[in-house]
Amino acid sequence: MAIRLIKISVVYFAIGVLLGYYMSIVHSYELTGVHVHVNLLGWTALMLAGILYHIFPALAYNGIAKAHFWLHNLGLPIMMISLFLLLSTKSSSYTAGVAIGATLTVLGILLFVINVLKNLKSSR
């Protein structure tokens, strides 16, 4: 689980950097929200989760960790693609996709929090 999270986080990192690069070239920053969320929830959050799962294997090998992985990695692309389309087309028809993706992502993050609080034990 840890290695999968770390590998997928660097994919989000590349997407975020390329999107930022694109915005700077065309001098249009209306996709800043997508750029920020991809970098924060994709690159940073998943890298930190992967590192924690690697350092503390008890966090990685349970159903909560699997649910976190799938909810986060299904929700975030749905949310980001929908937000990209919403901002690019100015059409509110993509709002439901943003909401569904955000809900899945938040549920995944809450499961990560529960997993850490429940399963991370002191070595003392």
PDB file of N, CA and C in Angstrom:
ATOM      1  N   MET A   1       0.821  -1.196   0.000  1.00  0.00           N
ATOM      2  CA  MET A   1       0.000   0.000   0.000  1.00  0.00           C
ATOM      3  C   MET A   1       0.866   1.261   0.000  1.00  0.00           C
ATOM      4  N   ALA A   2       1.926   1.256   0.793  1.00  0.00           N
ATOM      5  CA  ALA A   2       2.786   2.436   0.909  1.00  0.00           C
ATOM      6  C   ALA A   2       3.414   2.806  -0.429  1.00  0.00           C
ATOM      7  N   ILE A   3       3.962   1.822  -1.102  1.00  0.00           N
ATOM      8  CA  ILE A   3       4.644   2.093  -2.368  1.00  0.00           C
ATOM      9  C   ILE A   3       3.649   2.562  -3.428  1.00  0.00           C
ATOM     10  N   ARG A   4       2.452   1.979  -3.449  1.00  0.00           N
ATOM     11  CA  ARG A   4       1.424   2.422  -4.403  1.00  0.00           C
ATOM     12  C   ARG A   4       1.058   3.887  -4.166  1.00  0.00           C
ATOM     13  N   LEU A   5       0.911   4.266  -2.891  1.00  0.00           N
ATOM     14  CA  LEU A   5       0.575   5.654  -2.576  1.00  0.00           C
ATOM     15  C   LEU A   5       1.693   6.600  -3.004  1.00  0.00           C
ATOM     16  N   ILE A   6       2.922   6.217  -2.739  1.00  0.00           N
ATOM     17  CA  ILE A   6       4.056   7.063  -3.112  1.00  0.00           C
ATOM     18  C   ILE A   6       4.143   7.201  -4.629  1.00  0.00           C
ATOM     19  N   LYS A   7       3.974   6.103  -5.343  1.00  0.00           N
ATOM     20  CA  LYS A   7       4.052   6.160  -6.809  1.00  0.00           C
ATOM     21  C   LYS A   7       2.924   6.998  -7.406  1.00  0.00           C
ATOM     22  N   ILE A   8       1.711   6.826  -6.903  1.00  0.00           N
ATOM     23  CA  ILE A   8       0.606   7.613  -7.467  1.00  0.00           C
ATOM     24  C   ILE A   8       0.751   9.080  -7.091  1.00  0.00           C
ATOM     25  N   SER A   9       1.351   9.362  -5.928  1.00  0.00           N
ATOM     26  CA  SER A   9       1.538  10.759  -5.534  1.00  0.00           C
ATOM     27  C   SER A   9       2.468  11.489  -6.498  1.00  0.00           C
ATOM     28  N   VAL A  10       3.490  10.803  -7.007  1.00  0.00           N
ATOM     29  CA  VAL A  10       4.390  11.487  -7.944  1.00  0.00           C
ATOM     30  C   VAL A  10       3.725  11.707  -9.303  1.00  0.00           C
ATOM     31  N   VAL A  11       2.736  10.884  -9.639  1.00  0.00           N
ATOM     32  CA  VAL A  11       1.947  11.140 -10.851  1.00  0.00           C
ATOM     33  C   VAL A  11       1.146  12.431 -10.667  1.00  0.00           C
ATOM     34  N   TYR A  12       0.505  12.576  -9.497  1.00  0.00           N
ATOM     35  CA  TYR A  12      -0.210  13.822  -9.201  1.00  0.00           C
ATOM     36  C   TYR A  12       0.745  15.009  -9.203  1.00  0.00           C
ATOM     37  N   PHE A  13       1.955  14.808  -8.679  1.00  0.00           N
ATOM     38  CA  PHE A  13       2.959  15.876  -8.670  1.00  0.00           C
ATOM     39  C   PHE A  13       3.270  16.333 -10.092  1.00  0.00           C
ATOM     40  N   ALA A  14       3.491  15.385 -10.978  1.00  0.00           N
ATOM     41  CA  ALA A  14       3.782  15.724 -12.374  1.00  0.00           C
ATOM     42  C   ALA A  14       2.606  16.462 -13.008  1.00  0.00           C
ATOM     43  N   ILE A  15       1.388  15.996 -12.749  1.00  0.00           N
ATOM     44  CA  ILE A  15       0.196  16.668 -13.292  1.00  0.00           C
ATOM     45  C   ILE A  15       0.113  18.099 -12.768  1.00  0.00           C
ATOM     46  N   GLY A  16       0.307  18.265 -11.463  1.00  0.00           N
ATOM     47  CA  GLY A  16       0.247  19.597 -10.863  1.00  0.00           C
ATOM     48  C   GLY A  16       1.302  20.535 -11.409  1.00  0.00           C
ATOM     49  N   VAL A  17       2.519  20.049 -11.556  1.00  0.00           N
ATOM     50  CA  VAL A  17       3.605  20.876 -12.093  1.00  0.00           C
ATOM     51  C   VAL A  17       3.332  21.239 -13.547  1.00  0.00           C
ATOM     52  N   LEU A  18       2.899  20.273 -14.336  1.00  0.00           N
ATOM     53  CA  LEU A  18       2.614  20.555 -15.746  1.00  0.00           C
ATOM     54  C   LEU A  18       1.458  21.541 -15.897  1.00  0.00           C
ATOM     55  N   LEU A  19       0.442  21.415 -15.048  1.00  0.00           N
ATOM     56  CA  LEU A  19      -0.668  22.362 -15.103  1.00  0.00           C
ATOM     57  C   LEU A  19      -0.192  23.761 -14.720  1.00  0.00           C
ATOM     58  N   GLY A  20       0.630  23.865 -13.686  1.00  0.00           N
ATOM     59  CA  GLY A  20       1.187  25.159 -13.303  1.00  0.00           C
ATOM     60  C   GLY A  20       2.049  25.752 -14.406  1.00  0.00           C
ATOM     61  N   TYR A  21       2.832  24.917 -15.043  1.00  0.00           N
ATOM     62  CA  TYR A  21       3.677  25.343 -16.162  1.00  0.00           C
ATOM     63  C   TYR A  21       2.815  25.865 -17.315  1.00  0.00           C
ATOM     64  N   TYR A  22       1.764  25.122 -17.644  1.00  0.00           N
ATOM     65  CA  TYR A  22       0.839  25.543 -18.700  1.00  0.00           C
ATOM     66  C   TYR A  22       0.222  26.903 -18.371  1.00  0.00           C
ATOM     67  N   MET A  23      -0.252  27.051 -17.128  1.00  0.00           N
ATOM     68  CA  MET A  23      -0.887  28.317 -16.743  1.00  0.00           C
ATOM     69  C   MET A  23       0.090  29.485 -16.867  1.00  0.00           C
ATOM     70  N   SER A  24       1.355  29.255 -16.505  1.00  0.00           N
ATOM     71  CA  SER A  24       2.338  30.340 -16.593  1.00  0.00           C
ATOM     72  C   SER A  24       2.673  30.685 -18.045  1.00  0.00           C
ATOM     73  N   ILE A  25       2.647  29.702 -18.919  1.00  0.00           N
ATOM     74  CA  ILE A  25       2.941  29.964 -20.336  1.00  0.00           C
ATOM     75  C   ILE A  25       1.829  30.780 -20.983  1.00  0.00           C
ATOM     76  N   VAL A  26       0.576  30.409 -20.713  1.00  0.00           N
ATOM     77  CA  VAL A  26      -0.549  31.096 -21.361  1.00  0.00           C
ATOM     78  C   VAL A  26      -1.031  32.307 -20.564  1.00  0.00           C
ATOM     79  N   HIS A  27      -0.444  32.543 -19.404  1.00  0.00           N
ATOM     80  CA  HIS A  27      -0.809  33.677 -18.544  1.00  0.00           C
ATOM     81  C   HIS A  27      -2.295  33.676 -18.208  1.00  0.00           C
ATOM     82  N   SER A  28      -2.812  32.499 -17.934  1.00  0.00           N
ATOM     83  CA  SER A  28      -4.206  32.339 -17.518  1.00  0.00           C
ATOM     84  C   SER A  28      -4.210  31.475 -16.268  1.00  0.00           C
ATOM     85  N   TYR A  29      -4.769  32.020 -15.208  1.00  0.00           N
ATOM     86  CA  TYR A  29      -4.684  31.343 -13.914  1.00  0.00           C
ATOM     87  C   TYR A  29      -6.051  30.916 -13.379  1.00  0.00           C
ATOM     88  N   GLU A  30      -7.009  30.764 -14.266  1.00  0.00           N
ATOM     89  CA  GLU A  30      -8.336  30.359 -13.811  1.00  0.00           C
ATOM     90  C   GLU A  30      -8.376  28.911 -13.336  1.00  0.00           C
ATOM     91  N   LEU A  31      -7.368  28.123 -13.649  1.00  0.00           N
ATOM     92  CA  LEU A  31      -7.309  26.728 -13.194  1.00  0.00           C
ATOM     93  C   LEU A  31      -6.474  26.573 -11.921  1.00  0.00           C
ATOM     94  N   THR A  32      -6.218  27.679 -11.230  1.00  0.00           N
ATOM     95  CA  THR A  32      -5.407  27.629 -10.013  1.00  0.00           C
ATOM     96  C   THR A  32      -5.997  26.676  -8.983  1.00  0.00           C
ATOM     97  N   GLY A  33      -7.310  26.640  -8.859  1.00  0.00           N
ATOM     98  CA  GLY A  33      -7.947  25.730  -7.902  1.00  0.00           C
ATOM     99  C   GLY A  33      -7.637  24.271  -8.195  1.00  0.00           C
ATOM    100  N   VAL A  34      -7.625  23.912  -9.454  1.00  0.00           N
ATOM    101  CA  VAL A  34      -7.276  22.539  -9.844  1.00  0.00           C
ATOM    102  C   VAL A  34      -5.809  22.277  -9.512  1.00  0.00           C
ATOM    103  N   HIS A  35      -4.951  23.212  -9.875  1.00  0.00           N
ATOM    104  CA  HIS A  35      -3.513  23.101  -9.626  1.00  0.00           C
ATOM    105  C   HIS A  35      -3.232  22.894  -8.132  1.00  0.00           C
ATOM    106  N   VAL A  36      -3.851  23.707  -7.306  1.00  0.00           N
ATOM    107  CA  VAL A  36      -3.629  23.633  -5.859  1.00  0.00           C
ATOM    108  C   VAL A  36      -4.137  22.313  -5.289  1.00  0.00           C
ATOM    109  N   HIS A  37      -5.331  21.901  -5.668  1.00  0.00           N
ATOM    110  CA  HIS A  37      -5.897  20.663  -5.127  1.00  0.00           C
ATOM    111  C   HIS A  37      -5.123  19.427  -5.576  1.00  0.00           C
ATOM    112  N   VAL A  38      -4.688  19.401  -6.822  1.00  0.00           N
ATOM    113  CA  VAL A  38      -3.888  18.268  -7.296  1.00  0.00           C
ATOM    114  C   VAL A  38      -2.589  18.178  -6.499  1.00  0.00           C
ATOM    115  N   ASN A  39      -1.955  19.333  -6.268  1.00  0.00           N
ATOM    116  CA  ASN A  39      -0.697  19.318  -5.522  1.00  0.00           C
ATOM    117  C   ASN A  39      -0.895  19.008  -4.044  1.00  0.00           C
ATOM    118  N   LEU A  40      -1.935  19.551  -3.428  1.00  0.00           N
ATOM    119  CA  LEU A  40      -2.138  19.334  -1.995  1.00  0.00           C
ATOM    120  C   LEU A  40      -2.720  17.956  -1.702  1.00  0.00           C
ATOM    121  N   LEU A  41      -3.817  17.621  -2.357  1.00  0.00           N
ATOM    122  CA  LEU A  41      -4.492  16.353  -2.057  1.00  0.00           C
ATOM    123  C   LEU A  41      -3.893  15.169  -2.807  1.00  0.00           C
ATOM    124  N   GLY A  42      -3.287  15.424  -3.943  1.00  0.00           N
ATOM    125  CA  GLY A  42      -2.664  14.348  -4.710  1.00  0.00           C
ATOM    126  C   GLY A  42      -1.223  14.121  -4.315  1.00  0.00           C
ATOM    127  N   TRP A  43      -0.394  15.103  -4.581  1.00  0.00           N
ATOM    128  CA  TRP A  43       1.043  14.973  -4.320  1.00  0.00           C
ATOM    129  C   TRP A  43       1.341  14.929  -2.821  1.00  0.00           C
ATOM    130  N   THR A  44       0.984  15.971  -2.090  1.00  0.00           N
ATOM    131  CA  THR A  44       1.411  16.091  -0.696  1.00  0.00           C
ATOM    132  C   THR A  44       0.720  15.088   0.216  1.00  0.00           C
ATOM    133  N   ALA A  45      -0.603  15.053   0.197  1.00  0.00           N
ATOM    134  CA  ALA A  45      -1.334  14.180   1.125  1.00  0.00           C
ATOM    135  C   ALA A  45      -1.032  12.704   0.880  1.00  0.00           C
ATOM    136  N   LEU A  46      -1.006  12.298  -0.382  1.00  0.00           N
ATOM    137  CA  LEU A  46      -0.756  10.882  -0.660  1.00  0.00           C
ATOM    138  C   LEU A  46       0.698  10.497  -0.418  1.00  0.00           C
ATOM    139  N   MET A  47       1.629  11.417  -0.654  1.00  0.00           N
ATOM    140  CA  MET A  47       3.029  11.131  -0.332  1.00  0.00           C
ATOM    141  C   MET A  47       3.190  10.958   1.176  1.00  0.00           C
ATOM    142  N   LEU A  48       2.595  11.854   1.952  1.00  0.00           N
ATOM    143  CA  LEU A  48       2.688  11.735   3.412  1.00  0.00           C
ATOM    144  C   LEU A  48       2.034  10.451   3.907  1.00  0.00           C
ATOM    145  N   ALA A  49       0.887  10.100   3.343  1.00  0.00           N
ATOM    146  CA  ALA A  49       0.233   8.846   3.729  1.00  0.00           C
ATOM    147  C   ALA A  49       1.118   7.662   3.370  1.00  0.00           C
ATOM    148  N   GLY A  50       1.709   7.686   2.192  1.00  0.00           N
ATOM    149  CA  GLY A  50       2.598   6.606   1.777  1.00  0.00           C
ATOM    150  C   GLY A  50       3.800   6.467   2.685  1.00  0.00           C
ATOM    151  N   ILE A  51       4.383   7.586   3.070  1.00  0.00           N
ATOM    152  CA  ILE A  51       5.530   7.549   3.987  1.00  0.00           C
ATOM    153  C   ILE A  51       5.110   6.995   5.341  1.00  0.00           C
ATOM    154  N   LEU A  52       3.969   7.458   5.856  1.00  0.00           N
ATOM    155  CA  LEU A  52       3.475   6.930   7.139  1.00  0.00           C
ATOM    156  C   LEU A  52       3.197   5.438   7.051  1.00  0.00           C
ATOM    157  N   TYR A  53       2.570   5.011   5.969  1.00  0.00           N
ATOM    158  CA  TYR A  53       2.279   3.585   5.802  1.00  0.00           C
ATOM    159  C   TYR A  53       3.565   2.770   5.678  1.00  0.00           C
ATOM    160  N   HIS A  54       4.605   3.369   5.109  1.00  0.00           N
ATOM    161  CA  HIS A  54       5.885   2.669   4.980  1.00  0.00           C
ATOM    162  C   HIS A  54       6.598   2.570   6.335  1.00  0.00           C
ATOM    163  N   ILE A  55       6.593   3.656   7.079  1.00  0.00           N
ATOM    164  CA  ILE A  55       7.275   3.670   8.382  1.00  0.00           C
ATOM    165  C   ILE A  55       6.518   2.836   9.409  1.00  0.00           C
ATOM    166  N   PHE A  56       5.196   2.872   9.335  1.00  0.00           N
ATOM    167  CA  PHE A  56       4.345   2.155  10.287  1.00  0.00           C
ATOM    168  C   PHE A  56       3.462   1.160   9.525  1.00  0.00           C
ATOM    169  N   PRO A  57       3.987  -0.018   9.211  1.00  0.00           N
ATOM    170  CA  PRO A  57       3.257  -0.988   8.384  1.00  0.00           C
ATOM    171  C   PRO A  57       1.899  -1.402   8.950  1.00  0.00           C
ATOM    172  N   ALA A  58       1.716  -1.309  10.260  1.00  0.00           N
ATOM    173  CA  ALA A  58       0.417  -1.668  10.840  1.00  0.00           C
ATOM    174  C   ALA A  58      -0.700  -0.786  10.289  1.00  0.00           C
ATOM    175  N   LEU A  59      -0.359   0.398   9.843  1.00  0.00           N
ATOM    176  CA  LEU A  59      -1.361   1.294   9.258  1.00  0.00           C
ATOM    177  C   LEU A  59      -1.771   0.855   7.858  1.00  0.00           C
ATOM    178  N   ALA A  60      -0.874   0.170   7.175  1.00  0.00           N
ATOM    179  CA  ALA A  60      -1.073  -0.113   5.754  1.00  0.00           C
ATOM    180  C   ALA A  60      -1.863  -1.379   5.470  1.00  0.00           C
ATOM    181  N   TYR A  61      -1.867  -2.309   6.389  1.00  0.00           N
ATOM    182  CA  TYR A  61      -2.421  -3.636   6.102  1.00  0.00           C
ATOM    183  C   TYR A  61      -3.733  -3.870   6.831  1.00  0.00           C
ATOM    184  N   ASN A  62      -4.729  -3.084   6.473  1.00  0.00           N
ATOM    185  CA  ASN A  62      -6.070  -3.274   7.026  1.00  0.00           C
ATOM    186  C   ASN A  62      -7.093  -2.719   6.040  1.00  0.00           C
ATOM    187  N   GLY A  63      -8.330  -3.020   6.297  1.00  0.00           N
ATOM    188  CA  GLY A  63      -9.402  -2.591   5.399  1.00  0.00           C
ATOM    189  C   GLY A  63      -9.578  -1.087   5.341  1.00  0.00           C
ATOM    190  N   ILE A  64      -9.291  -0.414   6.448  1.00  0.00           N
ATOM    191  CA  ILE A  64      -9.426   1.044   6.464  1.00  0.00           C
ATOM    192  C   ILE A  64      -8.439   1.666   5.477  1.00  0.00           C
ATOM    193  N   ALA A  65      -7.202   1.160   5.462  1.00  0.00           N
ATOM    194  CA  ALA A  65      -6.187   1.692   4.541  1.00  0.00           C
ATOM    195  C   ALA A  65      -6.595   1.461   3.089  1.00  0.00           C
ATOM    196  N   LYS A  66      -7.127   0.288   2.801  1.00  0.00           N
ATOM    197  CA  LYS A  66      -7.567   0.003   1.431  1.00  0.00           C
ATOM    198  C   LYS A  66      -8.706   0.924   1.022  1.00  0.00           C
ATOM    199  N   ALA A  67      -9.667   1.125   1.926  1.00  0.00           N
ATOM    200  CA  ALA A  67     -10.785   2.018   1.627  1.00  0.00           C
ATOM    201  C   ALA A  67     -10.290   3.451   1.434  1.00  0.00           C
ATOM    202  N   HIS A  68      -9.356   3.872   2.273  1.00  0.00           N
ATOM    203  CA  HIS A  68      -8.767   5.207   2.114  1.00  0.00           C
ATOM    204  C   HIS A  68      -8.145   5.354   0.726  1.00  0.00           C
ATOM    205  N   PHE A  69      -7.338   4.380   0.346  1.00  0.00           N
ATOM    206  CA  PHE A  69      -6.662   4.427  -0.954  1.00  0.00           C
ATOM    207  C   PHE A  69      -7.671   4.580  -2.090  1.00  0.00           C
ATOM    208  N   TRP A  70      -8.678   3.725  -2.106  1.00  0.00           N
ATOM    209  CA  TRP A  70      -9.615   3.732  -3.231  1.00  0.00           C
ATOM    210  C   TRP A  70     -10.524   4.953  -3.236  1.00  0.00           C
ATOM    211  N   LEU A  71     -11.034   5.349  -2.079  1.00  0.00           N
ATOM    212  CA  LEU A  71     -11.893   6.534  -2.042  1.00  0.00           C
ATOM    213  C   LEU A  71     -11.122   7.782  -2.468  1.00  0.00           C
ATOM    214  N   HIS A  72      -9.914   7.920  -1.952  1.00  0.00           N
ATOM    215  CA  HIS A  72      -9.092   9.089  -2.283  1.00  0.00           C
ATOM    216  C   HIS A  72      -8.738   9.098  -3.773  1.00  0.00           C
ATOM    217  N   ASN A  73      -8.368   7.943  -4.298  1.00  0.00           N
ATOM    218  CA  ASN A  73      -7.894   7.888  -5.684  1.00  0.00           C
ATOM    219  C   ASN A  73      -8.998   7.727  -6.719  1.00  0.00           C
ATOM    220  N   LEU A  74     -10.212   7.519  -6.292  1.00  0.00           N
ATOM    221  CA  LEU A  74     -11.363   7.640  -7.192  1.00  0.00           C
ATOM    222  C   LEU A  74     -11.944   9.046  -7.101  1.00  0.00           C
ATOM    223  N   GLY A  75     -12.050   9.545  -5.879  1.00  0.00           N
ATOM    224  CA  GLY A  75     -12.660  10.851  -5.660  1.00  0.00           C
ATOM    225  C   GLY A  75     -11.865  12.013  -6.229  1.00  0.00           C
ATOM    226  N   LEU A  76     -10.556  11.992  -6.015  1.00  0.00           N
ATOM    227  CA  LEU A  76      -9.744  13.131  -6.455  1.00  0.00           C
ATOM    228  C   LEU A  76      -9.772  13.330  -7.972  1.00  0.00           C
ATOM    229  N   PRO A  77      -9.577  12.298  -8.785  1.00  0.00           N
ATOM    230  CA  PRO A  77      -9.677  12.532 -10.238  1.00  0.00           C
ATOM    231  C   PRO A  77     -11.069  12.987 -10.676  1.00  0.00           C
ATOM    232  N   ILE A  78     -12.111  12.413 -10.075  1.00  0.00           N
ATOM    233  CA  ILE A  78     -13.471  12.852 -10.420  1.00  0.00           C
ATOM    234  C   ILE A  78     -13.632  14.333 -10.096  1.00  0.00           C
ATOM    235  N   MET A  79     -13.197  14.715  -8.895  1.00  0.00           N
ATOM    236  CA  MET A  79     -13.314  16.111  -8.481  1.00  0.00           C
ATOM    237  C   MET A  79     -12.482  17.027  -9.380  1.00  0.00           C
ATOM    238  N   MET A  80     -11.244  16.637  -9.688  1.00  0.00           N
ATOM    239  CA  MET A  80     -10.353  17.508 -10.450  1.00  0.00           C
ATOM    240  C   MET A  80     -10.767  17.633 -11.912  1.00  0.00           C
ATOM    241  N   ILE A  81     -11.174  16.534 -12.515  1.00  0.00           N
ATOM    242  CA  ILE A  81     -11.638  16.604 -13.907  1.00  0.00           C
ATOM    243  C   ILE A  81     -12.904  17.444 -13.988  1.00  0.00           C
ATOM    244  N   SER A  82     -13.816  17.239 -13.045  1.00  0.00           N
ATOM    245  CA  SER A  82     -15.057  18.020 -13.026  1.00  0.00           C
ATOM    246  C   SER A  82     -14.779  19.497 -12.784  1.00  0.00           C
ATOM    247  N   LEU A  83     -13.866  19.808 -11.856  1.00  0.00           N
ATOM    248  CA  LEU A  83     -13.525  21.207 -11.589  1.00  0.00           C
ATOM    249  C   LEU A  83     -12.839  21.836 -12.803  1.00  0.00           C
ATOM    250  N   PHE A  84     -11.960  21.086 -13.445  1.00  0.00           N
ATOM    251  CA  PHE A  84     -11.309  21.560 -14.669  1.00  0.00           C
ATOM    252  C   PHE A  84     -12.363  21.921 -15.718  1.00  0.00           C
ATOM    253  N   LEU A  85     -13.321  21.018 -15.930  1.00  0.00           N
ATOM    254  CA  LEU A  85     -14.371  21.266 -16.924  1.00  0.00           C
ATOM    255  C   LEU A  85     -15.276  22.418 -16.504  1.00  0.00           C
ATOM    256  N   LEU A  86     -15.603  22.496 -15.226  1.00  0.00           N
ATOM    257  CA  LEU A  86     -16.436  23.580 -14.703  1.00  0.00           C
ATOM    258  C   LEU A  86     -15.774  24.931 -14.953  1.00  0.00           C
ATOM    259  N   LEU A  87     -14.495  25.033 -14.622  1.00  0.00           N
ATOM    260  CA  LEU A  87     -13.779  26.299 -14.788  1.00  0.00           C
ATOM    261  C   LEU A  87     -13.489  26.613 -16.251  1.00  0.00           C
ATOM    262  N   SER A  88     -13.214  25.599 -17.038  1.00  0.00           N
ATOM    263  CA  SER A  88     -12.878  25.812 -18.452  1.00  0.00           C
ATOM    264  C   SER A  88     -14.088  26.198 -19.291  1.00  0.00           C
ATOM    265  N   THR A  89     -15.219  25.565 -19.003  1.00  0.00           N
ATOM    266  CA  THR A  89     -16.412  25.798 -19.824  1.00  0.00           C
ATOM    267  C   THR A  89     -17.376  26.800 -19.209  1.00  0.00           C
ATOM    268  N   LYS A  90     -17.169  27.106 -17.938  1.00  0.00           N
ATOM    269  CA  LYS A  90     -18.075  27.995 -17.189  1.00  0.00           C
ATOM    270  C   LYS A  90     -19.492  27.420 -17.124  1.00  0.00           C
ATOM    271  N   SER A  91     -19.593  26.104 -17.228  1.00  0.00           N
ATOM    272  CA  SER A  91     -20.886  25.425 -17.193  1.00  0.00           C
ATOM    273  C   SER A  91     -21.095  24.784 -15.827  1.00  0.00           C
ATOM    274  N   SER A  92     -22.195  25.112 -15.195  1.00  0.00           N
ATOM    275  CA  SER A  92     -22.488  24.565 -13.866  1.00  0.00           C
ATOM    276  C   SER A  92     -22.912  23.097 -13.919  1.00  0.00           C
ATOM    277  N   SER A  93     -22.991  22.529 -15.101  1.00  0.00           N
ATOM    278  CA  SER A  93     -23.399  21.126 -15.212  1.00  0.00           C
ATOM    279  C   SER A  93     -22.357  20.174 -14.629  1.00  0.00           C
ATOM    280  N   TYR A  94     -21.157  20.671 -14.344  1.00  0.00           N
ATOM    281  CA  TYR A  94     -20.109  19.824 -13.769  1.00  0.00           C
ATOM    282  C   TYR A  94     -20.047  19.917 -12.245  1.00  0.00           C
ATOM    283  N   THR A  95     -20.931  20.715 -11.654  1.00  0.00           N
ATOM    284  CA  THR A  95     -20.930  20.899 -10.202  1.00  0.00           C
ATOM    285  C   THR A  95     -21.164  19.589  -9.467  1.00  0.00           C
ATOM    286  N   ALA A  96     -22.048  18.756  -9.967  1.00  0.00           N
ATOM    287  CA  ALA A  96     -22.321  17.471  -9.305  1.00  0.00           C
ATOM    288  C   ALA A  96     -21.075  16.594  -9.278  1.00  0.00           C
ATOM    289  N   GLY A  97     -20.304  16.597 -10.346  1.00  0.00           N
ATOM    290  CA  GLY A  97     -19.066  15.821 -10.379  1.00  0.00           C
ATOM    291  C   GLY A  97     -18.074  16.305  -9.344  1.00  0.00           C
ATOM    292  N   VAL A  98     -17.980  17.638  -9.195  1.00  0.00           N
ATOM    293  CA  VAL A  98     -17.097  18.199  -8.170  1.00  0.00           C
ATOM    294  C   VAL A  98     -17.558  17.734  -6.792  1.00  0.00           C
ATOM    295  N   ALA A  99     -18.859  17.808  -6.545  1.00  0.00           N
ATOM    296  CA  ALA A  99     -19.398  17.430  -5.235  1.00  0.00           C
ATOM    297  C   ALA A  99     -19.216  15.941  -4.948  1.00  0.00           C
ATOM    298  N   ILE A 100     -19.469  15.104  -5.928  1.00  0.00           N
ATOM    299  CA  ILE A 100     -19.303  13.652  -5.744  1.00  0.00           C
ATOM    300  C   ILE A 100     -17.835  13.316  -5.497  1.00  0.00           C
ATOM    301  N   GLY A 101     -16.956  13.863  -6.322  1.00  0.00           N
ATOM    302  CA  GLY A 101     -15.530  13.611  -6.148  1.00  0.00           C
ATOM    303  C   GLY A 101     -15.018  14.111  -4.812  1.00  0.00           C
ATOM    304  N   ALA A 102     -15.457  15.303  -4.421  1.00  0.00           N
ATOM    305  CA  ALA A 102     -15.034  15.863  -3.136  1.00  0.00           C
ATOM    306  C   ALA A 102     -15.525  15.008  -1.978  1.00  0.00           C
ATOM    307  N   THR A 103     -16.747  14.521  -2.074  1.00  0.00           N
ATOM    308  CA  THR A 103     -17.295  13.672  -1.010  1.00  0.00           C
ATOM    309  C   THR A 103     -16.492  12.386  -0.870  1.00  0.00           C
ATOM    310  N   LEU A 104     -16.190  11.745  -1.977  1.00  0.00           N
ATOM    311  CA  LEU A 104     -15.385  10.519  -1.932  1.00  0.00           C
ATOM    312  C   LEU A 104     -14.002  10.796  -1.346  1.00  0.00           C
ATOM    313  N   THR A 105     -13.392  11.901  -1.765  1.00  0.00           N
ATOM    314  CA  THR A 105     -12.059  12.251  -1.274  1.00  0.00           C
ATOM    315  C   THR A 105     -12.085  12.532   0.220  1.00  0.00           C
ATOM    316  N   VAL A 106     -13.052  13.303   0.667  1.00  0.00           N
ATOM    317  CA  VAL A 106     -13.167  13.615   2.099  1.00  0.00           C
ATOM    318  C   VAL A 106     -13.400  12.347   2.908  1.00  0.00           C
ATOM    319  N   LEU A 107     -14.245  11.459   2.421  1.00  0.00           N
ATOM    320  CA  LEU A 107     -14.464  10.191   3.130  1.00  0.00           C
ATOM    321  C   LEU A 107     -13.165   9.395   3.230  1.00  0.00           C
ATOM    322  N   GLY A 108     -12.397   9.364   2.147  1.00  0.00           N
ATOM    323  CA  GLY A 108     -11.109   8.682   2.172  1.00  0.00           C
ATOM    324  C   GLY A 108     -10.161   9.297   3.184  1.00  0.00           C
ATOM    325  N   ILE A 109     -10.115  10.619   3.220  1.00  0.00           N
ATOM    326  CA  ILE A 109      -9.235  11.307   4.168  1.00  0.00           C
ATOM    327  C   ILE A 109      -9.683  11.054   5.599  1.00  0.00           C
ATOM    328  N   LEU A 110     -10.975  11.066   5.845  1.00  0.00           N
ATOM    329  CA  LEU A 110     -11.476  10.765   7.194  1.00  0.00           C
ATOM    330  C   LEU A 110     -11.107   9.347   7.610  1.00  0.00           C
ATOM    331  N   LEU A 111     -11.162   8.409   6.685  1.00  0.00           N
ATOM    332  CA  LEU A 111     -10.733   7.042   7.000  1.00  0.00           C
ATOM    333  C   LEU A 111      -9.238   6.987   7.305  1.00  0.00           C
ATOM    334  N   PHE A 112      -8.447   7.773   6.595  1.00  0.00           N
ATOM    335  CA  PHE A 112      -7.017   7.852   6.896  1.00  0.00           C
ATOM    336  C   PHE A 112      -6.802   8.361   8.319  1.00  0.00           C
ATOM    337  N   VAL A 113      -7.518   9.407   8.689  1.00  0.00           N
ATOM    338  CA  VAL A 113      -7.412   9.964  10.045  1.00  0.00           C
ATOM    339  C   VAL A 113      -7.804   8.913  11.078  1.00  0.00           C
ATOM    340  N   ILE A 114      -8.914   8.230  10.854  1.00  0.00           N
ATOM    341  CA  ILE A 114      -9.361   7.172  11.774  1.00  0.00           C
ATOM    342  C   ILE A 114      -8.307   6.083  11.866  1.00  0.00           C
ATOM    343  N   ASN A 115      -7.755   5.676  10.741  1.00  0.00           N
ATOM    344  CA  ASN A 115      -6.736   4.635  10.717  1.00  0.00           C
ATOM    345  C   ASN A 115      -5.527   5.028  11.561  1.00  0.00           C
ATOM    346  N   VAL A 116      -5.047   6.247  11.382  1.00  0.00           N
ATOM    347  CA  VAL A 116      -3.881   6.705  12.148  1.00  0.00           C
ATOM    348  C   VAL A 116      -4.211   6.764  13.634  1.00  0.00           C
ATOM    349  N   LEU A 117      -5.351   7.346  13.980  1.00  0.00           N
ATOM    350  CA  LEU A 117      -5.704   7.476  15.396  1.00  0.00           C
ATOM    351  C   LEU A 117      -5.954   6.123  16.055  1.00  0.00           C
ATOM    352  N   LYS A 118      -6.502   5.198  15.308  1.00  0.00           N
ATOM    353  CA  LYS A 118      -6.837   3.882  15.859  1.00  0.00           C
ATOM    354  C   LYS A 118      -5.639   2.933  15.893  1.00  0.00           C
ATOM    355  N   ASN A 119      -4.811   2.952  14.883  1.00  0.00           N
ATOM    356  CA  ASN A 119      -3.798   1.902  14.719  1.00  0.00           C
ATOM    357  C   ASN A 119      -2.348   2.321  14.939  1.00  0.00           C
ATOM    358  N   LEU A 120      -2.083   3.602  15.083  1.00  0.00           N
ATOM    359  CA  LEU A 120      -0.713   4.031  15.351  1.00  0.00           C
ATOM    360  C   LEU A 120      -0.467   3.938  16.852  1.00  0.00           C
ATOM    361  N   LYS A 121       0.441   3.076  17.221  1.00  0.00           N
ATOM    362  CA  LYS A 121       0.715   2.805  18.638  1.00  0.00           C
ATOM    363  C   LYS A 121       2.100   3.315  19.007  1.00  0.00           C
ATOM    364  N   SER A 122       2.222   3.738  20.244  1.00  0.00           N
ATOM    365  CA  SER A 122       3.515   4.157  20.776  1.00  0.00           C
ATOM    366  C   SER A 122       4.411   2.938  20.945  1.00  0.00           C
ATOM    367  N   SER A 123       5.707   3.131  20.740  1.00  0.00           N
ATOM    368  CA  SER A 123       6.641   2.007  20.883  1.00  0.00           C
ATOM    369  C   SER A 123       7.048   1.783  22.334  1.00  0.00           C
ATOM    370  N   ARG A 124       6.554   2.580  23.238  1.00  0.00           N
ATOM    371  CA  ARG A 124       6.916   2.440  24.655  1.00  0.00           C
ATOM    372  C   ARG A 124       6.168   1.348  25.321  1.00  0.00           C
TER     373      ARG A 124
END
